[in-house]
């Protein structure tokens, strides 16, 4: 095995921990010198993580999606990358610690348990499948980030109602900004999930000639897609704002997680390769 893959696998949790500490320290202390440098730390970490994923793809001749611990690593990258894009689009930099924590958790678990030598089914070597899974994970990352902003909105809302003006009040953006961040994250997640579904529709007949569109995984994904599509449409058509947007975000996230758990552990699906 390429030694650099092993080294990067060990290094990545350290890098994400460093990024979390930098974002967390800046959240607590608001140091001016960290205003731009923390974004650079995150960018370099994501770049190194991308190199790691590409090296694994080349070394093992398949996208890094063949085991749950490979997927955990891709999910850690997806969450970090989704937040990075959102930060660039909005220039809101005070919430990174709450998001990067998830990347750290997923990558730490992955680095501890990921395997480096195993045989994978031929169907998992398809590059189109890799694009499908990565798009889906990026989509669910957007949904997760949307829910995190929703929880921050609720916490700040409660603090305001109870006249608690502590560090959360001082450091977090306003309720209006948190609502916009939550909604934009949901839109990003929905768009990426749409891409994943489209790729899946193209790839499925090639890989599984006898597959069923009533497969639990397909049904649950379509269910989540419809929920977010309806919520996003309602936002634009009826001018939802405030708590309605947050309830939609959190409700959609709960539905997505319940669907994932049910289809992963309690049902039989052709998506189960290992």
Foldseek 3Di string as FASTA:
>chain_A
DPVVLLVLLVCLLVLLVVLLVLLVVCLQPVDVVSLPVSLVSLVVSLVSLVVSQVVLCVVVLFGQPQDVLSVLSLLLSLLSVLVSVLCVVPVQRNCVSLRSVSSSVSSVVSSVDPDNDDDFDPLRNDVLVNLLSSLLSNLLSLLVQLLSLLVLLVVLVVCVVVVNCDSSNVRDDDSQVSLVSSLVSNVSSLVSLVVSVVSCVVCVCVRPVPFDCVFLVNVLSVVLSVLSVVLNVCCVPVVDDGPSSSCSSNVSSVSNVVSVCCNVPPDDGPVDRD
